[in-house]
Amino acid sequence: SVTSVELLDRGPLRVGVRARIRQPRLPVAVWQVTELVPGESFTWVTRARGVTTTGTHRVATTGPGTARATALLDQNGPLGPLVGLVTARLTRRYLRTEVEGIKAYCES
């Protein structure tokens, strides 16, 4: 679902790192990592007028040689519920595409 990612900070993934993300049908957004558990999860946030969007990506081992990838998105702020409602179908489709892409990569 992502057409381009531009890292705005040098170095490895860490709290504070920012990236400019472009996705079809959505405004360009700058995301900043706010939490990181190496090898397990990261959370990042983007802000627009009236809405703060938080995305969390997790990988959990479920058995020998297997794992589960999860992507969550939460929209808060005065316009958060409205933005969430208006973009719900697109958001679900993009999250499903991203998780399926992670799965395909891991299985190859």
PDB file of N, CA and C in Angstrom:
ATOM      1  N   SER A   1       0.813  -1.202   0.000  1.00  0.00           N
ATOM      2  CA  SER A   1       0.000   0.000   0.000  1.00  0.00           C
ATOM      3  C   SER A   1       0.856   1.265   0.000  1.00  0.00           C
ATOM      4  N   VAL A   2       2.137   1.129   0.264  1.00  0.00           N
ATOM      5  CA  VAL A   2       3.031   2.284   0.335  1.00  0.00           C
ATOM      6  C   VAL A   2       3.749   2.427  -1.004  1.00  0.00           C
ATOM      7  N   THR A   3       3.682   3.635  -1.597  1.00  0.00           N
ATOM      8  CA  THR A   3       4.354   3.858  -2.871  1.00  0.00           C
ATOM      9  C   THR A   3       5.766   4.406  -2.690  1.00  0.00           C
ATOM     10  N   SER A   4       6.029   5.083  -1.555  1.00  0.00           N
ATOM     11  CA  SER A   4       7.403   5.509  -1.281  1.00  0.00           C
ATOM     12  C   SER A   4       7.589   5.790   0.204  1.00  0.00           C
ATOM     13  N   VAL A   5       8.825   5.560   0.638  1.00  0.00           N
ATOM     14  CA  VAL A   5       9.238   5.851   2.011  1.00  0.00           C
ATOM     15  C   VAL A   5      10.537   6.630   1.915  1.00  0.00           C
ATOM     16  N   GLU A   6      10.579   7.782   2.542  1.00  0.00           N
ATOM     17  CA  GLU A   6      11.792   8.588   2.578  1.00  0.00           C
ATOM     18  C   GLU A   6      12.208   8.733   4.035  1.00  0.00           C
ATOM     19  N   LEU A   7      13.334   8.134   4.399  1.00  0.00           N
ATOM     20  CA  LEU A   7      13.837   8.280   5.766  1.00  0.00           C
ATOM     21  C   LEU A   7      14.367   9.689   5.950  1.00  0.00           C
ATOM     22  N   LEU A   8      13.949  10.339   6.998  1.00  0.00           N
ATOM     23  CA  LEU A   8      14.346  11.720   7.254  1.00  0.00           C
ATOM     24  C   LEU A   8      15.474  11.828   8.271  1.00  0.00           C
ATOM     25  N   ASP A   9      15.824  10.714   8.896  1.00  0.00           N
ATOM     26  CA  ASP A   9      16.894  10.677   9.891  1.00  0.00           C
ATOM     27  C   ASP A   9      17.820   9.511   9.562  1.00  0.00           C
ATOM     28  N   ARG A  10      19.097   9.709   9.801  1.00  0.00           N
ATOM     29  CA  ARG A  10      20.078   8.648   9.554  1.00  0.00           C
ATOM     30  C   ARG A  10      20.107   7.647  10.691  1.00  0.00           C
ATOM     31  N   GLY A  11      20.623   6.468  10.361  1.00  0.00           N
ATOM     32  CA  GLY A  11      20.842   5.475  11.394  1.00  0.00           C
ATOM     33  C   GLY A  11      19.765   4.412  11.423  1.00  0.00           C
ATOM     34  N   PRO A  12      19.886   3.505  12.383  1.00  0.00           N
ATOM     35  CA  PRO A  12      18.941   2.389  12.490  1.00  0.00           C
ATOM     36  C   PRO A  12      17.589   2.844  13.041  1.00  0.00           C
ATOM     37  N   LEU A  13      16.631   1.946  12.977  1.00  0.00           N
ATOM     38  CA  LEU A  13      15.318   2.203  13.560  1.00  0.00           C
ATOM     39  C   LEU A  13      15.489   2.431  15.056  1.00  0.00           C
ATOM     40  N   ARG A  14      14.981   3.558  15.551  1.00  0.00           N
ATOM     41  CA  ARG A  14      15.072   3.911  16.965  1.00  0.00           C
ATOM     42  C   ARG A  14      13.997   4.949  17.270  1.00  0.00           C
ATOM     43  N   VAL A  15      13.708   5.144  18.541  1.00  0.00           N
ATOM     44  CA  VAL A  15      12.751   6.168  18.948  1.00  0.00           C
ATOM     45  C   VAL A  15      13.239   7.523  18.430  1.00  0.00           C
ATOM     46  N   GLY A  16      12.324   8.254  17.820  1.00  0.00           N
ATOM     47  CA  GLY A  16      12.640   9.574  17.277  1.00  0.00           C
ATOM     48  C   GLY A  16      12.851   9.599  15.774  1.00  0.00           C
ATOM     49  N   VAL A  17      13.139   8.462  15.159  1.00  0.00           N
ATOM     50  CA  VAL A  17      13.362   8.402  13.718  1.00  0.00           C
ATOM     51  C   VAL A  17      12.068   8.759  12.988  1.00  0.00           C
ATOM     52  N   ARG A  18      12.216   9.537  11.901  1.00  0.00           N
ATOM     53  CA  ARG A  18      11.064   9.957  11.109  1.00  0.00           C
ATOM     54  C   ARG A  18      11.166   9.447   9.678  1.00  0.00           C
ATOM     55  N   ALA A  19       9.992   9.230   9.083  1.00  0.00           N
ATOM     56  CA  ALA A  19       9.932   8.806   7.685  1.00  0.00           C
ATOM     57  C   ALA A  19       8.732   9.476   7.021  1.00  0.00           C
ATOM     58  N   ARG A  20       8.937   9.910   5.770  1.00  0.00           N
ATOM     59  CA  ARG A  20       7.842  10.478   4.981  1.00  0.00           C
ATOM     60  C   ARG A  20       7.264   9.342   4.141  1.00  0.00           C
ATOM     61  N   ILE A  21       5.961   9.081   4.314  1.00  0.00           N
ATOM     62  CA  ILE A  21       5.285   7.963   3.666  1.00  0.00           C
ATOM     63  C   ILE A  21       4.273   8.492   2.648  1.00  0.00           C
ATOM     64  N   ARG A  22       4.298   7.895   1.455  1.00  0.00           N
ATOM     65  CA  ARG A  22       3.306   8.212   0.430  1.00  0.00           C
ATOM     66  C   ARG A  22       2.483   6.961   0.152  1.00  0.00           C
ATOM     67  N   GLN A  23       1.161   7.144   0.176  1.00  0.00           N
ATOM     68  CA  GLN A  23       0.223   6.063  -0.128  1.00  0.00           C
ATOM     69  C   GLN A  23      -0.857   6.615  -1.043  1.00  0.00           C
ATOM     70  N   PRO A  24      -1.313   5.810  -2.004  1.00  0.00           N
ATOM     71  CA  PRO A  24      -2.392   6.277  -2.874  1.00  0.00           C
ATOM     72  C   PRO A  24      -3.629   6.655  -2.059  1.00  0.00           C
ATOM     73  N   ARG A  25      -4.276   7.736  -2.465  1.00  0.00           N
ATOM     74  CA  ARG A  25      -5.544   8.193  -1.895  1.00  0.00           C
ATOM     75  C   ARG A  25      -5.428   8.764  -0.483  1.00  0.00           C
ATOM     76  N   LEU A  26      -4.198   8.931   0.021  1.00  0.00           N
ATOM     77  CA  LEU A  26      -3.990   9.527   1.347  1.00  0.00           C
ATOM     78  C   LEU A  26      -2.975  10.657   1.234  1.00  0.00           C
ATOM     79  N   PRO A  27      -3.083  11.671   2.105  1.00  0.00           N
ATOM     80  CA  PRO A  27      -2.070  12.731   2.087  1.00  0.00           C
ATOM     81  C   PRO A  27      -0.703  12.174   2.502  1.00  0.00           C
ATOM     82  N   VAL A  28       0.357  12.787   1.986  1.00  0.00           N
ATOM     83  CA  VAL A  28       1.712  12.436   2.418  1.00  0.00           C
ATOM     84  C   VAL A  28       1.790  12.691   3.916  1.00  0.00           C
ATOM     85  N   ALA A  29       2.416  11.769   4.642  1.00  0.00           N
ATOM     86  CA  ALA A  29       2.481  11.886   6.100  1.00  0.00           C
ATOM     87  C   ALA A  29       3.900  11.642   6.594  1.00  0.00           C
ATOM     88  N   VAL A  30       4.309  12.405   7.589  1.00  0.00           N
ATOM     89  CA  VAL A  30       5.585  12.170   8.266  1.00  0.00           C
ATOM     90  C   VAL A  30       5.274  11.426   9.556  1.00  0.00           C
ATOM     91  N   TRP A  31       5.831  10.225   9.670  1.00  0.00           N
ATOM     92  CA  TRP A  31       5.636   9.361  10.840  1.00  0.00           C
ATOM     93  C   TRP A  31       6.897   9.411  11.688  1.00  0.00           C
ATOM     94  N   GLN A  32       6.726   9.413  13.019  1.00  0.00           N
ATOM     95  CA  GLN A  32       7.865   9.400  13.936  1.00  0.00           C
ATOM     96  C   GLN A  32       7.722   8.238  14.913  1.00  0.00           C
ATOM     97  N   VAL A  33       8.799   7.456  15.034  1.00  0.00           N
ATOM     98  CA  VAL A  33       8.805   6.317  15.943  1.00  0.00           C
ATOM     99  C   VAL A  33       8.756   6.829  17.375  1.00  0.00           C
ATOM    100  N   THR A  34       7.791   6.298  18.150  1.00  0.00           N
ATOM    101  CA  THR A  34       7.626   6.727  19.547  1.00  0.00           C
ATOM    102  C   THR A  34       7.944   5.614  20.542  1.00  0.00           C
ATOM    103  N   GLU A  35       7.879   4.370  20.092  1.00  0.00           N
ATOM    104  CA  GLU A  35       8.212   3.226  20.950  1.00  0.00           C
ATOM    105  C   GLU A  35       8.877   2.164  20.089  1.00  0.00           C
ATOM    106  N   LEU A  36       9.820   1.439  20.690  1.00  0.00           N
ATOM    107  CA  LEU A  36      10.520   0.376  19.974  1.00  0.00           C
ATOM    108  C   LEU A  36      10.907  -0.722  20.947  1.00  0.00           C
ATOM    109  N   VAL A  37      10.522  -1.938  20.629  1.00  0.00           N
ATOM    110  CA  VAL A  37      10.976  -3.123  21.340  1.00  0.00           C
ATOM    111  C   VAL A  37      11.691  -3.959  20.274  1.00  0.00           C
ATOM    112  N   PRO A  38      13.030  -3.900  20.241  1.00  0.00           N
ATOM    113  CA  PRO A  38      13.770  -4.569  19.174  1.00  0.00           C
ATOM    114  C   PRO A  38      13.357  -6.034  18.990  1.00  0.00           C
ATOM    115  N   GLY A  39      13.118  -6.389  17.741  1.00  0.00           N
ATOM    116  CA  GLY A  39      12.737  -7.758  17.408  1.00  0.00           C
ATOM    117  C   GLY A  39      11.289  -8.095  17.701  1.00  0.00           C
ATOM    118  N   GLU A  40      10.533  -7.152  18.286  1.00  0.00           N
ATOM    119  CA  GLU A  40       9.146  -7.427  18.653  1.00  0.00           C
ATOM    120  C   GLU A  40       8.146  -6.431  18.080  1.00  0.00           C
ATOM    121  N   SER A  41       8.398  -5.124  18.262  1.00  0.00           N
ATOM    122  CA  SER A  41       7.389  -4.158  17.830  1.00  0.00           C
ATOM    123  C   SER A  41       7.974  -2.758  17.709  1.00  0.00           C
ATOM    124  N   PHE A  42       7.239  -1.939  16.950  1.00  0.00           N
ATOM    125  CA  PHE A  42       7.489  -0.504  16.986  1.00  0.00           C
ATOM    126  C   PHE A  42       6.165   0.218  16.795  1.00  0.00           C
ATOM    127  N   THR A  43       6.103   1.404  17.370  1.00  0.00           N
ATOM    128  CA  THR A  43       4.926   2.261  17.256  1.00  0.00           C
ATOM    129  C   THR A  43       5.404   3.590  16.713  1.00  0.00           C
ATOM    130  N   TRP A  44       4.611   4.145  15.801  1.00  0.00           N
ATOM    131  CA  TRP A  44       4.930   5.465  15.289  1.00  0.00           C
ATOM    132  C   TRP A  44       3.661   6.272  15.150  1.00  0.00           C
ATOM    133  N   VAL A  45       3.843   7.600  15.076  1.00  0.00           N
ATOM    134  CA  VAL A  45       2.716   8.525  15.117  1.00  0.00           C
ATOM    135  C   VAL A  45       2.867   9.544  14.000  1.00  0.00           C
ATOM    136  N   THR A  46       1.735   9.936  13.419  1.00  0.00           N
ATOM    137  CA  THR A  46       1.692  11.067  12.498  1.00  0.00           C
ATOM    138  C   THR A  46       0.551  11.972  12.928  1.00  0.00           C
ATOM    139  N   ARG A  47       0.727  13.264  12.708  1.00  0.00           N
ATOM    140  CA  ARG A  47      -0.287  14.233  13.121  1.00  0.00           C
ATOM    141  C   ARG A  47      -0.715  15.078  11.924  1.00  0.00           C
ATOM    142  N   ALA A  48      -2.002  15.312  11.845  1.00  0.00           N
ATOM    143  CA  ALA A  48      -2.574  16.224  10.864  1.00  0.00           C
ATOM    144  C   ALA A  48      -3.585  17.083  11.612  1.00  0.00           C
ATOM    145  N   ARG A  49      -4.083  18.087  10.974  1.00  0.00           N
ATOM    146  CA  ARG A  49      -5.031  18.990  11.632  1.00  0.00           C
ATOM    147  C   ARG A  49      -6.212  18.210  12.207  1.00  0.00           C
ATOM    148  N   GLY A  50      -6.319  18.182  13.533  1.00  0.00           N
ATOM    149  CA  GLY A  50      -7.460  17.565  14.195  1.00  0.00           C
ATOM    150  C   GLY A  50      -7.386  16.065  14.415  1.00  0.00           C
ATOM    151  N   VAL A  51      -6.300  15.429  13.971  1.00  0.00           N
ATOM    152  CA  VAL A  51      -6.216  13.969  14.128  1.00  0.00           C
ATOM    153  C   VAL A  51      -4.767  13.534  14.359  1.00  0.00           C
ATOM    154  N   THR A  52      -4.609  12.624  15.299  1.00  0.00           N
ATOM    155  CA  THR A  52      -3.327  11.967  15.538  1.00  0.00           C
ATOM    156  C   THR A  52      -3.526  10.492  15.228  1.00  0.00           C
ATOM    157  N   THR A  53      -2.701   9.970  14.328  1.00  0.00           N
ATOM    158  CA  THR A  53      -2.800   8.567  13.944  1.00  0.00           C
ATOM    159  C   THR A  53      -1.597   7.823  14.502  1.00  0.00           C
ATOM    160  N   THR A  54      -1.876   6.733  15.202  1.00  0.00           N
ATOM    161  CA  THR A  54      -0.829   5.904  15.799  1.00  0.00           C
ATOM    162  C   THR A  54      -0.871   4.534  15.139  1.00  0.00           C
ATOM    163  N   GLY A  55       0.275   4.095  14.646  1.00  0.00           N
ATOM    164  CA  GLY A  55       0.382   2.771  14.041  1.00  0.00           C
ATOM    165  C   GLY A  55       1.335   1.918  14.843  1.00  0.00           C
ATOM    166  N   THR A  56       0.943   0.676  15.094  1.00  0.00           N
ATOM    167  CA  THR A  56       1.797  -0.267  15.816  1.00  0.00           C
ATOM    168  C   THR A  56       1.975  -1.511  14.964  1.00  0.00           C
ATOM    169  N   HIS A  57       3.206  -1.963  14.856  1.00  0.00           N
ATOM    170  CA  HIS A  57       3.549  -3.170  14.107  1.00  0.00           C
ATOM    171  C   HIS A  57       4.206  -4.136  15.079  1.00  0.00           C
ATOM    172  N   ARG A  58       3.665  -5.351  15.167  1.00  0.00           N
ATOM    173  CA  ARG A  58       4.195  -6.348  16.104  1.00  0.00           C
ATOM    174  C   ARG A  58       4.472  -7.654  15.387  1.00  0.00           C
ATOM    175  N   VAL A  59       5.495  -8.346  15.871  1.00  0.00           N
ATOM    176  CA  VAL A  59       5.789  -9.712  15.439  1.00  0.00           C
ATOM    177  C   VAL A  59       5.937 -10.541  16.701  1.00  0.00           C
ATOM    178  N   ALA A  60       5.189 -11.640  16.784  1.00  0.00           N
ATOM    179  CA  ALA A  60       5.236 -12.506  17.962  1.00  0.00           C
ATOM    180  C   ALA A  60       5.490 -13.936  17.525  1.00  0.00           C
ATOM    181  N   THR A  61       6.425 -14.584  18.176  1.00  0.00           N
ATOM    182  CA  THR A  61       6.695 -15.989  17.901  1.00  0.00           C
ATOM    183  C   THR A  61       5.526 -16.816  18.416  1.00  0.00           C
ATOM    184  N   THR A  62       5.035 -17.713  17.551  1.00  0.00           N
ATOM    185  CA  THR A  62       3.889 -18.549  17.938  1.00  0.00           C
ATOM    186  C   THR A  62       4.257 -20.016  18.053  1.00  0.00           C
ATOM    187  N   GLY A  63       5.473 -20.346  17.722  1.00  0.00           N
ATOM    188  CA  GLY A  63       5.952 -21.722  17.803  1.00  0.00           C
ATOM    189  C   GLY A  63       7.294 -21.817  17.105  1.00  0.00           C
ATOM    190  N   PRO A  64       7.880 -22.987  17.085  1.00  0.00           N
ATOM    191  CA  PRO A  64       9.173 -23.152  16.418  1.00  0.00           C
ATOM    192  C   PRO A  64       9.076 -22.794  14.933  1.00  0.00           C
ATOM    193  N   GLY A  65       9.814 -21.775  14.526  1.00  0.00           N
ATOM    194  CA  GLY A  65       9.845 -21.379  13.119  1.00  0.00           C
ATOM    195  C   GLY A  65       8.602 -20.663  12.631  1.00  0.00           C
ATOM    196  N   THR A  66       7.720 -20.242  13.527  1.00  0.00           N
ATOM    197  CA  THR A  66       6.502 -19.537  13.114  1.00  0.00           C
ATOM    198  C   THR A  66       6.322 -18.256  13.924  1.00  0.00           C
ATOM    199  N   ALA A  67       5.647 -17.296  13.312  1.00  0.00           N
ATOM    200  CA  ALA A  67       5.392 -16.016  13.978  1.00  0.00           C
ATOM    201  C   ALA A  67       4.095 -15.427  13.445  1.00  0.00           C
ATOM    202  N   ARG A  68       3.571 -14.486  14.179  1.00  0.00           N
ATOM    203  CA  ARG A  68       2.368 -13.762  13.764  1.00  0.00           C
ATOM    204  C   ARG A  68       2.721 -12.281  13.687  1.00  0.00           C
ATOM    205  N   ALA A  69       2.400 -11.657  12.535  1.00  0.00           N
ATOM    206  CA  ALA A  69       2.600 -10.216  12.355  1.00  0.00           C
ATOM    207  C   ALA A  69       1.251  -9.526  12.514  1.00  0.00           C
ATOM    208  N   THR A  70       1.249  -8.427  13.249  1.00  0.00           N
ATOM    209  CA  THR A  70       0.033  -7.674  13.498  1.00  0.00           C
ATOM    210  C   THR A  70       0.295  -6.195  13.226  1.00  0.00           C
ATOM    211  N   ALA A  71      -0.647  -5.557  12.558  1.00  0.00           N
ATOM    212  CA  ALA A  71      -0.570  -4.113  12.329  1.00  0.00           C
ATOM    213  C   ALA A  71      -1.853  -3.485  12.865  1.00  0.00           C
ATOM    214  N   LEU A  72      -1.705  -2.480  13.711  1.00  0.00           N
ATOM    215  CA  LEU A  72      -2.852  -1.792  14.313  1.00  0.00           C
ATOM    216  C   LEU A  72      -2.773  -0.311  13.982  1.00  0.00           C
ATOM    217  N   LEU A  73      -3.929   0.316  13.819  1.00  0.00           N
ATOM    218  CA  LEU A  73      -3.981   1.745  13.548  1.00  0.00           C
ATOM    219  C   LEU A  73      -5.067   2.363  14.418  1.00  0.00           C
ATOM    220  N   ASP A  74      -4.743   3.484  15.062  1.00  0.00           N
ATOM    221  CA  ASP A  74      -5.691   4.156  15.941  1.00  0.00           C
ATOM    222  C   ASP A  74      -5.692   5.645  15.597  1.00  0.00           C
ATOM    223  N   GLN A  75      -6.875   6.231  15.471  1.00  0.00           N
ATOM    224  CA  GLN A  75      -6.992   7.648  15.142  1.00  0.00           C
ATOM    225  C   GLN A  75      -7.703   8.375  16.275  1.00  0.00           C
ATOM    226  N   ASN A  76      -7.028   9.390  16.828  1.00  0.00           N
ATOM    227  CA  ASN A  76      -7.542  10.155  17.954  1.00  0.00           C
ATOM    228  C   ASN A  76      -7.567  11.639  17.622  1.00  0.00           C
ATOM    229  N   GLY A  77      -8.087  12.408  18.533  1.00  0.00           N
ATOM    230  CA  GLY A  77      -8.183  13.851  18.351  1.00  0.00           C
ATOM    231  C   GLY A  77      -9.604  14.229  17.981  1.00  0.00           C
ATOM    232  N   PRO A  78      -9.873  15.535  17.876  1.00  0.00           N
ATOM    233  CA  PRO A  78     -11.226  15.988  17.593  1.00  0.00           C
ATOM    234  C   PRO A  78     -11.820  15.397  16.311  1.00  0.00           C
ATOM    235  N   LEU A  79     -10.994  15.207  15.284  1.00  0.00           N
ATOM    236  CA  LEU A  79     -11.488  14.659  14.014  1.00  0.00           C
ATOM    237  C   LEU A  79     -11.170  13.176  13.851  1.00  0.00           C
ATOM    238  N   GLY A  80     -10.508  12.577  14.837  1.00  0.00           N
ATOM    239  CA  GLY A  80     -10.102  11.170  14.746  1.00  0.00           C
ATOM    240  C   GLY A  80     -11.237  10.216  14.425  1.00  0.00           C
ATOM    241  N   PRO A  81     -12.343  10.252  15.169  1.00  0.00           N
ATOM    242  CA  PRO A  81     -13.439   9.322  14.874  1.00  0.00           C
ATOM    243  C   PRO A  81     -14.007   9.501  13.458  1.00  0.00           C
ATOM    244  N   LEU A  82     -14.122  10.745  13.007  1.00  0.00           N
ATOM    245  CA  LEU A  82     -14.648  10.993  11.664  1.00  0.00           C
ATOM    246  C   LEU A  82     -13.686  10.492  10.597  1.00  0.00           C
ATOM    247  N   VAL A  83     -12.400  10.805  10.749  1.00  0.00           N
ATOM    248  CA  VAL A  83     -11.398  10.330   9.790  1.00  0.00           C
ATOM    249  C   VAL A  83     -11.380   8.803   9.777  1.00  0.00           C
ATOM    250  N   GLY A  84     -11.437   8.191  10.954  1.00  0.00           N
ATOM    251  CA  GLY A  84     -11.461   6.729  11.039  1.00  0.00           C
ATOM    252  C   GLY A  84     -12.652   6.138  10.313  1.00  0.00           C
ATOM    253  N   LEU A  85     -13.803   6.757  10.456  1.00  0.00           N
ATOM    254  CA  LEU A  85     -15.015   6.272   9.793  1.00  0.00           C
ATOM    255  C   LEU A  85     -14.926   6.425   8.274  1.00  0.00           C
ATOM    256  N   VAL A  86     -14.480   7.585   7.822  1.00  0.00           N
ATOM    257  CA  VAL A  86     -14.405   7.865   6.386  1.00  0.00           C
ATOM    258  C   VAL A  86     -13.366   6.987   5.687  1.00  0.00           C
ATOM    259  N   THR A  87     -12.271   6.684   6.369  1.00  0.00           N
ATOM    260  CA  THR A  87     -11.180   5.923   5.730  1.00  0.00           C
ATOM    261  C   THR A  87     -11.148   4.451   6.141  1.00  0.00           C
ATOM    262  N   ALA A  88     -12.158   3.963   6.839  1.00  0.00           N
ATOM    263  CA  ALA A  88     -12.130   2.606   7.409  1.00  0.00           C
ATOM    264  C   ALA A  88     -11.856   1.523   6.364  1.00  0.00           C
ATOM    265  N   ARG A  89     -12.587   1.520   5.256  1.00  0.00           N
ATOM    266  CA  ARG A  89     -12.392   0.465   4.248  1.00  0.00           C
ATOM    267  C   ARG A  89     -10.992   0.506   3.658  1.00  0.00           C
ATOM    268  N   LEU A  90     -10.533   1.711   3.317  1.00  0.00           N
ATOM    269  CA  LEU A  90      -9.195   1.868   2.751  1.00  0.00           C
ATOM    270  C   LEU A  90      -8.133   1.449   3.762  1.00  0.00           C
ATOM    271  N   THR A  91      -8.302   1.846   5.010  1.00  0.00           N
ATOM    272  CA  THR A  91      -7.346   1.502   6.064  1.00  0.00           C
ATOM    273  C   THR A  91      -7.266  -0.006   6.252  1.00  0.00           C
ATOM    274  N   ARG A  92      -8.402  -0.675   6.326  1.00  0.00           N
ATOM    275  CA  ARG A  92      -8.395  -2.139   6.477  1.00  0.00           C
ATOM    276  C   ARG A  92      -7.707  -2.809   5.295  1.00  0.00           C
ATOM    277  N   ARG A  93      -7.985  -2.324   4.095  1.00  0.00           N
ATOM    278  CA  ARG A  93      -7.353  -2.903   2.900  1.00  0.00           C
ATOM    279  C   ARG A  93      -5.837  -2.703   2.930  1.00  0.00           C
ATOM    280  N   TYR A  94      -5.395  -1.492   3.272  1.00  0.00           N
ATOM    281  CA  TYR A  94      -3.957  -1.221   3.320  1.00  0.00           C
ATOM    282  C   TYR A  94      -3.272  -2.047   4.405  1.00  0.00           C
ATOM    283  N   LEU A  95      -3.869  -2.149   5.578  1.00  0.00           N
ATOM    284  CA  LEU A  95      -3.260  -2.955   6.642  1.00  0.00           C
ATOM    285  C   LEU A  95      -3.175  -4.419   6.240  1.00  0.00           C
ATOM    286  N   ARG A  96      -4.225  -4.944   5.617  1.00  0.00           N
ATOM    287  CA  ARG A  96      -4.211  -6.333   5.155  1.00  0.00           C
ATOM    288  C   ARG A  96      -3.110  -6.537   4.112  1.00  0.00           C
ATOM    289  N   THR A  97      -2.976  -5.596   3.179  1.00  0.00           N
ATOM    290  CA  THR A  97      -1.933  -5.679   2.149  1.00  0.00           C
ATOM    291  C   THR A  97      -0.548  -5.683   2.784  1.00  0.00           C
ATOM    292  N   GLU A  98      -0.339  -4.820   3.763  1.00  0.00           N
ATOM    293  CA  GLU A  98       0.969  -4.741   4.414  1.00  0.00           C
ATOM    294  C   GLU A  98       1.305  -6.030   5.167  1.00  0.00           C
ATOM    295  N   VAL A  99       0.356  -6.555   5.913  1.00  0.00           N
ATOM    296  CA  VAL A  99       0.614  -7.775   6.675  1.00  0.00           C
ATOM    297  C   VAL A  99       0.820  -8.964   5.729  1.00  0.00           C
ATOM    298  N   GLU A 100       0.056  -9.025   4.650  1.00  0.00           N
ATOM    299  CA  GLU A 100       0.251 -10.101   3.673  1.00  0.00           C
ATOM    300  C   GLU A 100       1.623  -9.993   3.014  1.00  0.00           C
ATOM    301  N   GLY A 101       2.085  -8.761   2.780  1.00  0.00           N
ATOM    302  CA  GLY A 101       3.421  -8.558   2.219  1.00  0.00           C
ATOM    303  C   GLY A 101       4.513  -9.012   3.166  1.00  0.00           C
ATOM    304  N   ILE A 102       4.345  -8.730   4.454  1.00  0.00           N
ATOM    305  CA  ILE A 102       5.312  -9.181   5.461  1.00  0.00           C
ATOM    306  C   ILE A 102       5.338 -10.707   5.489  1.00  0.00           C
ATOM    307  N   LYS A 103       4.162 -11.314   5.444  1.00  0.00           N
ATOM    308  CA  LYS A 103       4.063 -12.777   5.464  1.00  0.00           C
ATOM    309  C   LYS A 103       4.788 -13.380   4.259  1.00  0.00           C
ATOM    310  N   ALA A 104       4.518 -12.838   3.082  1.00  0.00           N
ATOM    311  CA  ALA A 104       5.157 -13.351   1.862  1.00  0.00           C
ATOM    312  C   ALA A 104       6.668 -13.216   1.925  1.00  0.00           C
ATOM    313  N   TYR A 105       7.133 -12.089   2.433  1.00  0.00           N
ATOM    314  CA  TYR A 105       8.575 -11.878   2.570  1.00  0.00           C
ATOM    315  C   TYR A 105       9.194 -12.897   3.509  1.00  0.00           C
ATOM    316  N   CYS A 106       8.557 -13.118   4.635  1.00  0.00           N
ATOM    317  CA  CYS A 106       9.082 -14.048   5.632  1.00  0.00           C
ATOM    318  C   CYS A 106       9.069 -15.502   5.140  1.00  0.00           C
ATOM    319  N   GLU A 107       8.117 -15.834   4.300  1.00  0.00           N
ATOM    320  CA  GLU A 107       8.006 -17.210   3.804  1.00  0.00           C
ATOM    321  C   GLU A 107       8.916 -17.476   2.617  1.00  0.00           C
ATOM    322  N   SER A 108       9.485 -16.433   2.030  1.00  0.00           N
ATOM    323  CA  SER A 108      10.341 -16.641   0.838  1.00  0.00           C
ATOM    324  C   SER A 108      11.767 -16.972   1.207  1.00  0.00           C
TER     325      SER A 108
END
